[in-house]
Structures are given as structure tokens and as C-alpha cells.
C-alpha atoms as a PDB file:
ATOM      1  CA  MET A   1       0.219   0.066  -0.611  1.00  0.00           C
ATOM      2  CA  GLY A   2       2.823   2.279   0.970  1.00  0.00           C
ATOM      3  CA  LYS A   3       4.621   1.720  -2.591  1.00  0.00           C
ATOM      4  CA  LEU A   4       1.320   2.096  -4.264  1.00  0.00           C
ATOM      5  CA  ILE A   5       0.486   5.955  -2.273  1.00  0.00           C
ATOM      6  CA  LEU A   6       4.616   6.733  -3.434  1.00  0.00           C
ATOM      7  CA  SER A   7       4.102   5.608  -6.826  1.00  0.00           C
ATOM      8  CA  LEU A   8       1.407   8.198  -6.885  1.00  0.00           C
ATOM      9  CA  LEU A   9       3.213  10.585  -5.340  1.00  0.00           C
ATOM     10  CA  LEU A  10       6.148  10.480  -7.615  1.00  0.00           C
ATOM     11  CA  VAL A  11       3.313  10.937 -11.089  1.00  0.00           C
ATOM     12  CA  ALA A  12       1.474  13.631  -9.211  1.00  0.00           C
ATOM     13  CA  ALA A  13       4.622  15.895  -8.777  1.00  0.00           C
ATOM     14  CA  GLN A  14       6.199  15.145 -12.731  1.00  0.00           C
ATOM     15  CA  ALA A  15       6.268  18.874 -14.771  1.00  0.00           C
ATOM     16  CA  VAL A  16       3.328  18.816 -17.021  1.00  0.00           C
ATOM     17  CA  GLU A  17       4.280  20.295 -20.439  1.00  0.00           C
ATOM     18  CA  LEU A  18       2.532  23.338 -22.326  1.00  0.00           C
ATOM     19  CA  PRO A  19       1.783  22.994 -25.930  1.00  0.00           C
ATOM     20  CA  THR A  20       3.876  24.933 -27.662  1.00  0.00           C
ATOM     21  CA  LEU A  21       1.799  26.415 -30.198  1.00  0.00           C
ATOM     22  CA  VAL A  22       3.151  27.383 -34.197  1.00  0.00           C
ATOM     23  CA  LEU A  23       3.518  31.037 -34.940  1.00  0.00           C
ATOM     24  CA  PRO A  24       1.060  31.035 -37.775  1.00  0.00           C
ATOM     25  CA  ALA A  25       2.366  32.347 -41.324  1.00  0.00           C
ATOM     26  CA  ALA A  26       0.103  34.821 -41.567  1.00  0.00           C
ATOM     27  CA  GLU A  27       0.887  38.274 -41.135  1.00  0.00           C
ATOM     28  CA  GLY A  28       0.164  40.043 -37.449  1.00  0.00           C
ATOM     29  CA  ALA A  29       0.311  36.621 -36.291  1.00  0.00           C
ATOM     30  CA  TRP A  30       1.219  35.718 -32.875  1.00  0.00           C
ATOM     31  CA  VAL A  31       2.076  33.784 -29.756  1.00  0.00           C
ATOM     32  CA  VAL A  32       1.777  34.558 -26.514  1.00  0.00           C
ATOM     33  CA  ARG A  33       2.421  31.849 -24.277  1.00  0.00           C
ATOM     34  CA  ILE A  34       2.892  32.203 -20.066  1.00  0.00           C
ATOM     35  CA  VAL A  35       4.020  29.925 -17.309  1.00  0.00           C
ATOM     36  CA  THR A  36       4.805  30.115 -14.045  1.00  0.00           C
ATOM     37  CA  SER A  37       7.435  28.377 -11.230  1.00  0.00           C
ATOM     38  CA  GLY A  38       8.688  28.535  -7.728  1.00  0.00           C
ATOM     39  CA  GLY A  39       6.159  28.996  -4.917  1.00  0.00           C
ATOM     40  CA  PHE A  40       5.339  27.359  -2.056  1.00  0.00           C
ATOM     41  CA  THR A  41       4.633  24.098  -4.292  1.00  0.00           C
ATOM     42  CA  GLY A  42       7.611  25.369  -6.257  1.00  0.00           C
ATOM     43  CA  ARG A  43       5.236  24.044  -9.081  1.00  0.00           C
ATOM     44  CA  GLY A  44       3.621  27.872 -10.562  1.00  0.00           C
ATOM     45  CA  SER A  45      -0.016  29.521 -10.764  1.00  0.00           C
ATOM     46  CA  GLY A  46      -0.638  27.769 -13.848  1.00  0.00           C
ATOM     47  CA  SER A  47       0.399  28.346 -17.423  1.00  0.00           C
ATOM     48  CA  TYR A  48      -1.542  29.656 -20.874  1.00  0.00           C
ATOM     49  CA  THR A  49      -0.389  30.182 -23.984  1.00  0.00           C
ATOM     50  CA  ALA A  50      -2.479  31.725 -27.398  1.00  0.00           C
ATOM     51  CA  SER A  51      -1.792  32.001 -30.646  1.00  0.00           C
ATOM     52  CA  SER A  52      -4.250  34.533 -33.127  1.00  0.00           C
ATOM     53  CA  ALA A  53      -5.086  30.967 -34.781  1.00  0.00           C
ATOM     54  CA  GLY A  54      -7.565  30.900 -31.847  1.00  0.00           C
ATOM     55  CA  ASP A  55      -5.775  28.315 -30.193  1.00  0.00           C
ATOM     56  CA  VAL A  56      -5.863  28.211 -26.296  1.00  0.00           C
ATOM     57  CA  ALA A  57      -4.034  26.016 -23.976  1.00  0.00           C
ATOM     58  CA  CYS A  58      -4.331  25.761 -20.185  1.00  0.00           C
ATOM     59  CA  LEU A  59      -2.735  23.910 -17.010  1.00  0.00           C
ATOM     60  CA  ALA A  60      -3.517  24.093 -13.571  1.00  0.00           C
ATOM     61  CA  ALA A  61      -5.645  26.452 -15.126  1.00  0.00           C
ATOM     62  CA  ALA A  62     -10.123  26.345 -13.509  1.00  0.00           C
ATOM     63  CA  ALA A  63     -11.567  26.519 -17.200  1.00  0.00           C
ATOM     64  CA  CYS A  64      -9.594  26.594 -20.123  1.00  0.00           C
ATOM     65  CA  PRO A  65     -11.930  27.388 -23.457  1.00  0.00           C
ATOM     66  CA  GLY A  66     -10.841  25.138 -26.601  1.00  0.00           C
ATOM     67  CA  ARG A  67     -10.775  28.257 -28.916  1.00  0.00           C
ATOM     68  CA  LEU A  68     -10.137  32.261 -28.654  1.00  0.00           C
ATOM     69  CA  ALA A  69     -13.830  33.573 -29.489  1.00  0.00           C
ATOM     70  CA  SER A  70     -13.360  36.350 -32.295  1.00  0.00           C
ATOM     71  CA  ASP A  71     -13.820  39.440 -30.200  1.00  0.00           C
ATOM     72  CA  THR A  72     -11.398  37.799 -27.045  1.00  0.00           C
ATOM     73  CA  GLN A  73      -9.053  36.846 -30.755  1.00  0.00           C
ATOM     74  CA  ARG A  74      -9.755  40.506 -31.437  1.00  0.00           C
ATOM     75  CA  ALA A  75      -8.752  42.504 -28.008  1.00  0.00           C
ATOM     76  CA  LEU A  76      -5.800  39.892 -27.944  1.00  0.00           C
ATOM     77  CA  SER A  77      -4.137  41.236 -31.044  1.00  0.00           C
ATOM     78  CA  ARG A  78      -4.251  44.752 -30.024  1.00  0.00           C
ATOM     79  CA  LEU A  79      -2.474  43.878 -26.812  1.00  0.00           C
ATOM     80  CA  VAL A  80       0.026  42.555 -28.424  1.00  0.00           C
ATOM     81  CA  LYS A  81       0.743  44.898 -31.325  1.00  0.00           C
ATOM     82  CA  ALA A  82       1.075  47.331 -27.706  1.00  0.00           C
ATOM     83  CA  VAL A  83       4.047  45.395 -26.650  1.00  0.00           C
ATOM     84  CA  PRO A  84       7.824  45.983 -27.797  1.00  0.00           C
ATOM     85  CA  VAL A  85       9.280  42.564 -29.705  1.00  0.00           C
ATOM     86  CA  ALA A  86      12.593  42.408 -30.877  1.00  0.00           C
ATOM     87  CA  ALA A  87      13.889  42.628 -34.428  1.00  0.00           C
ATOM     88  CA  VAL A  88      15.510  39.001 -33.958  1.00  0.00           C
ATOM     89  CA  SER A  89      14.336  36.027 -34.406  1.00  0.00           C
ATOM     90  CA  ARG A  90      16.148  34.357 -30.963  1.00  0.00           C
ATOM     91  CA  PRO A  91      14.895  35.546 -27.775  1.00  0.00           C
ATOM     92  CA  SER A  92      16.080  38.064 -25.560  1.00  0.00           C
ATOM     93  CA  PRO A  93      14.769  37.650 -22.526  1.00  0.00           C
ATOM     94  CA  LEU A  94      14.153  41.079 -20.226  1.00  0.00           C
ATOM     95  CA  SER A  95      14.204  39.502 -16.775  1.00  0.00           C
ATOM     96  CA  THR A  96      13.509  41.137 -13.171  1.00  0.00           C
ATOM     97  CA  THR A  97      13.184  38.396 -10.490  1.00  0.00           C
ATOM     98  CA  ALA A  98      14.690  38.908  -7.422  1.00  0.00           C
ATOM     99  CA  ASN A  99      15.652  36.583  -5.020  1.00  0.00           C
ATOM    100  CA  CYS A 100      12.735  35.657  -3.492  1.00  0.00           C
ATOM    101  CA  ASN A 101      12.492  31.705  -2.321  1.00  0.00           C
ATOM    102  CA  ASP A 102       8.213  31.481  -2.003  1.00  0.00           C
ATOM    103  CA  CYS A 103       7.953  33.848  -5.253  1.00  0.00           C
ATOM    104  CA  VAL A 104       6.335  32.312  -7.691  1.00  0.00           C
ATOM    105  CA  THR A 105       8.205  33.420 -11.065  1.00  0.00           C
ATOM    106  CA  THR A 106       6.346  34.453 -14.651  1.00  0.00           C
ATOM    107  CA  THR A 107       7.747  34.075 -18.249  1.00  0.00           C
ATOM    108  CA  MET A 108       6.238  35.502 -20.316  1.00  0.00           C
ATOM    109  CA  SER A 109       7.049  35.412 -24.579  1.00  0.00           C
ATOM    110  CA  VAL A 110       5.626  37.172 -27.095  1.00  0.00           C
ATOM    111  CA  ARG A 111       6.476  35.695 -30.421  1.00  0.00           C
ATOM    112  CA  ARG A 112       5.126  37.804 -33.916  1.00  0.00           C
ATOM    113  CA  ARG A 113       5.244  38.039 -37.474  1.00  0.00           C
ATOM    114  CA  ASP A 114       5.365  41.348 -39.224  1.00  0.00           C
ATOM    115  CA  ARG A 115       6.673  41.539 -42.789  1.00  0.00           C
ATOM    116  CA  ASP A 116       7.849  38.382 -43.079  1.00  0.00           C
ATOM    117  CA  GLU A 117      10.015  38.067 -39.913  1.00  0.00           C
ATOM    118  CA  GLU A 118       9.053  36.913 -36.757  1.00  0.00           C
ATOM    119  CA  ARG A 119      10.063  39.211 -34.011  1.00  0.00           C
ATOM    120  CA  ILE A 120      10.502  37.334 -29.973  1.00  0.00           C
ATOM    121  CA  GLN A 121      10.940  39.719 -26.808  1.00  0.00           C
ATOM    122  CA  THR A 122      10.799  36.947 -23.038  1.00  0.00           C
ATOM    123  CA  PHE A 123       9.655  38.712 -20.025  1.00  0.00           C
ATOM    124  CA  SER A 124      10.347  37.728 -16.669  1.00  0.00           C
ATOM    125  CA  TRP A 125       8.904  39.167 -13.576  1.00  0.00           C
ATOM    126  CA  ASP A 126       7.702  37.688 -10.044  1.00  0.00           C
ATOM    127  CA  GLU A 127       5.756  39.390  -6.982  1.00  0.00           C
ATOM    128  CA  THR A 128       8.600  41.673  -5.597  1.00  0.00           C
ATOM    129  CA  THR A 129      10.159  42.834  -9.061  1.00  0.00           C
ATOM    130  CA  ARG A 130       5.953  42.841 -10.943  1.00  0.00           C
ATOM    131  CA  ALA A 131       6.213  46.950 -10.622  1.00  0.00           C
ATOM    132  CA  SER A 132       8.867  47.250 -12.848  1.00  0.00           C
ATOM    133  CA  VAL A 133       7.284  45.101 -16.161  1.00  0.00           C
ATOM    134  CA  PRO A 134       5.864  47.818 -18.773  1.00  0.00           C
ATOM    135  CA  ASP A 135       1.933  48.047 -18.343  1.00  0.00           C
ATOM    136  CA  ASP A 136       1.252  46.966 -21.223  1.00  0.00           C
ATOM    137  CA  VAL A 137       3.240  43.656 -20.954  1.00  0.00           C
ATOM    138  CA  LEU A 138       0.586  43.764 -17.543  1.00  0.00           C
ATOM    139  CA  ARG A 139      -2.430  44.448 -19.334  1.00  0.00           C
ATOM    140  CA  LEU A 140      -1.846  40.973 -21.961  1.00  0.00           C
ATOM    141  CA  HIS A 141      -0.531  38.886 -19.008  1.00  0.00           C
ATOM    142  CA  ALA A 142      -4.240  40.078 -17.210  1.00  0.00           C
ATOM    143  CA  ALA A 143      -6.179  39.662 -20.664  1.00  0.00           C
ATOM    144  CA  VAL A 144      -4.485  35.793 -21.749  1.00  0.00           C
ATOM    145  CA  LEU A 145      -4.865  35.035 -17.421  1.00  0.00           C
ATOM    146  CA  ALA A 146      -8.172  36.267 -18.075  1.00  0.00           C
ATOM    147  CA  LEU A 147      -9.727  33.262 -20.174  1.00  0.00           C
ATOM    148  CA  ALA A 148      -9.169  30.468 -18.124  1.00  0.00           C
ATOM    149  CA  ALA A 149     -10.660  32.148 -15.210  1.00  0.00           C
ATOM    150  CA  PRO A 150     -14.033  30.356 -13.741  1.00  0.00           C
ATOM    151  CA  ARG A 151     -17.251  31.851 -15.908  1.00  0.00           C
ATOM    152  CA  SER A 152     -19.936  32.853 -13.930  1.00  0.00           C
ATOM    153  CA  ARG A 153     -23.553  31.632 -15.201  1.00  0.00           C
END
């Protein structure tokens, strides 16, 4: 019995990977990926990804839509366009994390296709450094997290 419980705990403790969404080929296409880690459990507070193609994936979320509604997709597109991204094809992290043992660390990458060029920017922060993150980044982060919020009826 003890071995069974230990096996179940080990399976439950294994990290589940957030699916990677492909950046669509269209002009203005985007993918936003949010991954959290740390906190008291070391597992973060959930991970989320969404794309301009309407795909959505969430881990550790109360509810996650299978697809983006068209109005939500347009709203997210406006927010993505407001976030500054580098004109390079590899991530350039803007890390603003502190040494906080029990803080949840958030890493958000924004990939965008502009004029057939892929642009990407990665932002990282925790609770103690959140104030140093650009407002446009935080608005996009909140909008993606809202996708997984429980809906009231």
C-alpha cells in the first residue's frame, strides 16, 4: 500500500508540459506563452498559451476555452501589437526577478510575425519585481490569464 501511494505521489509531482503553439504564417500572427514556476510548491500557478489562430492551452487552470472567441482574439491582437518585441529571431529575455524563495516567477514570451520576420521578446518577473514590468506587458498577461478564469452564469 505504501509503495502504491508513493508511486501515485511521484506521478502527480511530475511536471506536465504546456503544449507549444506554432506561430501562424500570416502577417501579424502571434503566440503568447506564459509559464510560471516557484511558489510554495515549486510548481507555479499555472501556464497558458494562446495564438492568433484561435488556439488556447492552459495547465492548472479552473477552466480553459478550447478556442478563442473572435472578439477575444481581436482584443488580444491589439494588446500583442502594443508590446515591444525585438527585431531578432531568438529570445532576448528581459528578466526582472529577485531572490525570493517562495515567489511565483512568471515568464511570458510574445512571438509575432511582422513583414515575414519573426520577432520575439521574453519578459520575466516575480511578485517583488512586478512594478518594473511595462504596463502593456502586464495588460496582455492579465488578458491571457482571464481566458482561464471561471465563468459566472
